Amino acid sequence: MSYDLMVFDPAVAPREAEAFLQWYDAQTEWNETHDYDDPKVSVPTLQAFFAALAEHYPPMDGPLSDDEDDRPEVTDYSIGQHVVYASFDDEVAENAHGLVQVLANTHQLGFFDVSGDGAIVFPDGTVVIPE
């Protein structure tokens, strides 16, 4: 099992629940023309967010991965131009959830609690919870 969270660029994400979920579905079709394991494809704020998060939750794949690292903190990321999607091991989910929220706020990014209550949090404090 995994606990999934997504951090996103609030400049491009819709602010209404239904439109956001449609945008989310489009993002997670992974149709961009690049691999999804390299943070260099993202906008600068997401790159900075990822660098900070990867210090605690290193990537499973990609240029920063270490095949020898089998700790539960090793995380499966899908990195797009405007999103970083992370699937955390259940063992670390609670701590990861808190850190992702703090780092998203620090970097003025949006936060989507995919596996939790579905809250969509924008950096200005707006919270949208889809029905």
Foldseek 3Di string as FASTA:
>chain_A
DWFKKKWWAVVPADDADVRNVVVVVVVVVVPDDDAFADQVQEDVLVSVLCVVLCVQQNECDDDRHDVVDDDQSHWHWGHHHTMIMIIGDPVCVVVSVVSSVVSSLVSQIWMARVRPQRWIAGNVGDIDGDD
